[in-house]
Amino acid sequence: MPLKNIYGITLPNKIVGYAHGFLFIAYIIWVLWVNKEKKWSLKNLFLALIASLLPFGTFVADAKLFRANN
């Protein structure tokens, strides 16, 4: 952000933004696929999807939700 706001260099923001968007969509697809394979409850699916919206939520979901359902 400082490169964009202070120096006017926008390329790093575009690269990181595209990567972030791609990883977000990949996570959602992965959760839906695992939900189908593991036959999760609606609660687990909801928690996994909400985790994608919260800062560090995917790390918490990994520790408490995904590893518990192996």
N, C-alpha and C. Protein backbone atom coordinates (compact mmCIF):
# COMPACT_ATOMS: atom_id res chain seq x y z
N MET A 1 0.81 -1.20 0.00
CA MET A 1 0.00 0.00 0.00
C MET A 1 0.85 1.27 0.00
N PRO A 2 1.96 1.33 0.74
CA PRO A 2 2.76 2.55 0.67
C PRO A 2 3.30 2.82 -0.73
N LEU A 3 3.65 1.75 -1.45
CA LEU A 3 4.14 1.96 -2.81
C LEU A 3 3.07 2.62 -3.67
N LYS A 4 1.82 2.21 -3.50
CA LYS A 4 0.72 2.77 -4.29
C LYS A 4 0.38 4.18 -3.83
N ASN A 5 0.19 4.36 -2.53
CA ASN A 5 -0.31 5.64 -2.03
C ASN A 5 0.74 6.74 -1.97
N ILE A 6 1.97 6.40 -1.67
CA ILE A 6 3.01 7.42 -1.54
C ILE A 6 3.77 7.63 -2.84
N TYR A 7 4.15 6.53 -3.49
CA TYR A 7 5.00 6.64 -4.67
C TYR A 7 4.26 6.47 -5.99
N GLY A 8 3.00 6.07 -5.94
CA GLY A 8 2.23 5.93 -7.17
C GLY A 8 2.57 4.69 -7.98
N ILE A 9 3.20 3.71 -7.39
CA ILE A 9 3.56 2.46 -8.07
C ILE A 9 2.44 1.45 -7.82
N THR A 10 1.67 1.13 -8.84
CA THR A 10 0.48 0.29 -8.65
C THR A 10 0.68 -1.18 -9.01
N LEU A 11 1.74 -1.53 -9.70
CA LEU A 11 1.92 -2.91 -10.17
C LEU A 11 1.95 -3.93 -9.02
N PRO A 12 2.68 -3.71 -7.94
CA PRO A 12 2.65 -4.72 -6.86
C PRO A 12 1.25 -4.96 -6.30
N ASN A 13 0.44 -3.91 -6.21
CA ASN A 13 -0.92 -4.08 -5.71
C ASN A 13 -1.75 -4.93 -6.66
N LYS A 14 -1.56 -4.76 -7.95
CA LYS A 14 -2.30 -5.57 -8.92
C LYS A 14 -1.91 -7.05 -8.81
N ILE A 15 -0.61 -7.31 -8.69
CA ILE A 15 -0.14 -8.69 -8.61
C ILE A 15 -0.66 -9.37 -7.35
N VAL A 16 -0.50 -8.71 -6.22
CA VAL A 16 -0.96 -9.28 -4.96
C VAL A 16 -2.49 -9.39 -4.95
N GLY A 17 -3.17 -8.43 -5.52
CA GLY A 17 -4.63 -8.46 -5.58
C GLY A 17 -5.14 -9.63 -6.39
N TYR A 18 -4.52 -9.87 -7.55
CA TYR A 18 -4.93 -11.01 -8.37
C TYR A 18 -4.65 -12.33 -7.65
N ALA A 19 -3.48 -12.43 -7.01
CA ALA A 19 -3.14 -13.65 -6.27
C ALA A 19 -4.13 -13.87 -5.12
N HIS A 20 -4.46 -12.81 -4.42
CA HIS A 20 -5.41 -12.92 -3.31
C HIS A 20 -6.78 -13.38 -3.80
N GLY A 21 -7.25 -12.82 -4.88
CA GLY A 21 -8.54 -13.21 -5.45
C GLY A 21 -8.54 -14.66 -5.91
N PHE A 22 -7.46 -15.07 -6.57
CA PHE A 22 -7.36 -16.46 -7.03
C PHE A 22 -7.36 -17.42 -5.85
N LEU A 23 -6.59 -17.12 -4.82
CA LEU A 23 -6.53 -18.00 -3.66
C LEU A 23 -7.86 -18.05 -2.91
N PHE A 24 -8.58 -16.92 -2.85
CA PHE A 24 -9.89 -16.90 -2.21
C PHE A 24 -10.86 -17.81 -2.94
N ILE A 25 -10.92 -17.71 -4.25
CA ILE A 25 -11.81 -18.56 -5.05
C ILE A 25 -11.39 -20.01 -4.94
N ALA A 26 -10.09 -20.29 -4.96
CA ALA A 26 -9.61 -21.66 -4.83
C ALA A 26 -10.01 -22.25 -3.48
N TYR A 27 -9.94 -21.45 -2.41
CA TYR A 27 -10.34 -21.92 -1.08
C TYR A 27 -11.83 -22.27 -1.06
N ILE A 28 -12.66 -21.41 -1.63
CA ILE A 28 -14.10 -21.67 -1.65
C ILE A 28 -14.40 -22.96 -2.42
N ILE A 29 -13.78 -23.14 -3.57
CA ILE A 29 -13.98 -24.36 -4.36
C ILE A 29 -13.50 -25.58 -3.58
N TRP A 30 -12.35 -25.46 -2.93
CA TRP A 30 -11.79 -26.56 -2.15
C TRP A 30 -12.74 -26.95 -1.02
N VAL A 31 -13.27 -25.96 -0.31
CA VAL A 31 -14.20 -26.25 0.80
C VAL A 31 -15.44 -26.96 0.28
N LEU A 32 -15.99 -26.49 -0.84
CA LEU A 32 -17.18 -27.14 -1.39
C LEU A 32 -16.89 -28.57 -1.83
N TRP A 33 -15.72 -28.79 -2.41
CA TRP A 33 -15.33 -30.14 -2.84
C TRP A 33 -15.15 -31.07 -1.64
N VAL A 34 -14.44 -30.60 -0.62
CA VAL A 34 -14.23 -31.42 0.57
C VAL A 34 -15.56 -31.69 1.28
N ASN A 35 -16.43 -30.68 1.30
CA ASN A 35 -17.74 -30.86 1.89
C ASN A 35 -18.48 -32.02 1.22
N LYS A 36 -18.42 -32.08 -0.08
CA LYS A 36 -19.09 -33.15 -0.81
C LYS A 36 -18.44 -34.51 -0.53
N GLU A 37 -17.12 -34.53 -0.49
CA GLU A 37 -16.40 -35.79 -0.27
C GLU A 37 -16.57 -36.32 1.15
N LYS A 38 -16.47 -35.44 2.12
CA LYS A 38 -16.51 -35.85 3.54
C LYS A 38 -17.92 -35.85 4.12
N LYS A 39 -18.89 -35.33 3.35
CA LYS A 39 -20.28 -35.24 3.81
C LYS A 39 -20.38 -34.51 5.15
N TRP A 40 -19.82 -33.29 5.16
CA TRP A 40 -19.87 -32.45 6.36
C TRP A 40 -21.30 -32.05 6.66
N SER A 41 -21.52 -31.68 7.91
CA SER A 41 -22.81 -31.11 8.28
C SER A 41 -22.88 -29.68 7.74
N LEU A 42 -24.08 -29.14 7.70
CA LEU A 42 -24.26 -27.77 7.23
C LEU A 42 -23.51 -26.78 8.13
N LYS A 43 -23.44 -27.09 9.41
CA LYS A 43 -22.71 -26.23 10.36
C LYS A 43 -21.23 -26.16 10.01
N ASN A 44 -20.60 -27.31 9.73
CA ASN A 44 -19.18 -27.32 9.38
C ASN A 44 -18.93 -26.58 8.07
N LEU A 45 -19.80 -26.76 7.11
CA LEU A 45 -19.66 -26.05 5.84
C LEU A 45 -19.75 -24.55 6.07
N PHE A 46 -20.74 -24.14 6.84
CA PHE A 46 -20.92 -22.71 7.13
C PHE A 46 -19.70 -22.14 7.84
N LEU A 47 -19.17 -22.84 8.84
CA LEU A 47 -18.00 -22.36 9.57
C LEU A 47 -16.78 -22.26 8.66
N ALA A 48 -16.61 -23.23 7.78
CA ALA A 48 -15.46 -23.20 6.86
C ALA A 48 -15.58 -22.04 5.89
N LEU A 49 -16.78 -21.74 5.42
CA LEU A 49 -16.96 -20.62 4.51
C LEU A 49 -16.82 -19.28 5.23
N ILE A 50 -17.31 -19.17 6.44
CA ILE A 50 -17.16 -17.94 7.22
C ILE A 50 -15.68 -17.70 7.54
N ALA A 51 -14.93 -18.77 7.76
CA ALA A 51 -13.50 -18.64 8.06
C ALA A 51 -12.76 -17.92 6.94
N SER A 52 -13.24 -18.03 5.71
CA SER A 52 -12.57 -17.37 4.59
C SER A 52 -12.74 -15.86 4.64
N LEU A 53 -13.70 -15.38 5.40
CA LEU A 53 -13.97 -13.94 5.46
C LEU A 53 -13.30 -13.25 6.64
N LEU A 54 -12.87 -14.01 7.63
CA LEU A 54 -12.28 -13.44 8.83
C LEU A 54 -10.75 -13.46 8.75
N PRO A 55 -10.10 -12.42 9.25
CA PRO A 55 -8.62 -12.43 9.26
C PRO A 55 -8.11 -13.64 10.05
N PHE A 56 -7.23 -14.39 9.45
CA PHE A 56 -6.63 -15.60 10.02
C PHE A 56 -7.66 -16.68 10.32
N GLY A 57 -8.86 -16.54 9.80
CA GLY A 57 -9.91 -17.52 10.04
C GLY A 57 -9.59 -18.88 9.47
N THR A 58 -8.90 -18.93 8.34
CA THR A 58 -8.58 -20.23 7.74
C THR A 58 -7.58 -21.00 8.60
N PHE A 59 -6.71 -20.28 9.30
CA PHE A 59 -5.76 -20.97 10.19
C PHE A 59 -6.48 -21.56 11.39
N VAL A 60 -7.44 -20.82 11.93
CA VAL A 60 -8.25 -21.33 13.04
C VAL A 60 -9.09 -22.51 12.58
N ALA A 61 -9.68 -22.40 11.40
CA ALA A 61 -10.48 -23.50 10.87
C ALA A 61 -9.62 -24.74 10.65
N ASP A 62 -8.40 -24.55 10.19
CA ASP A 62 -7.50 -25.67 9.98
C ASP A 62 -7.21 -26.39 11.29
N ALA A 63 -6.96 -25.63 12.33
CA ALA A 63 -6.62 -26.23 13.62
C ALA A 63 -7.82 -26.86 14.31
N LYS A 64 -8.98 -26.24 14.23
CA LYS A 64 -10.12 -26.71 15.01
C LYS A 64 -11.16 -27.50 14.22
N LEU A 65 -11.30 -27.22 12.94
CA LEU A 65 -12.36 -27.85 12.16
C LEU A 65 -11.84 -28.94 11.25
N PHE A 66 -10.86 -28.60 10.43
CA PHE A 66 -10.40 -29.55 9.42
C PHE A 66 -9.66 -30.73 10.03
N ARG A 67 -8.80 -30.48 10.99
CA ARG A 67 -8.04 -31.59 11.59
C ARG A 67 -8.91 -32.45 12.48
N ALA A 68 -9.96 -31.87 13.04
CA ALA A 68 -10.86 -32.63 13.90
C ALA A 68 -11.72 -33.60 13.09
N ASN A 69 -11.92 -33.30 11.80
CA ASN A 69 -12.79 -34.12 10.95
C ASN A 69 -12.04 -35.09 10.06
N ASN A 70 -10.79 -35.34 10.34
CA ASN A 70 -10.02 -36.29 9.51
C ASN A 70 -10.49 -37.69 9.68
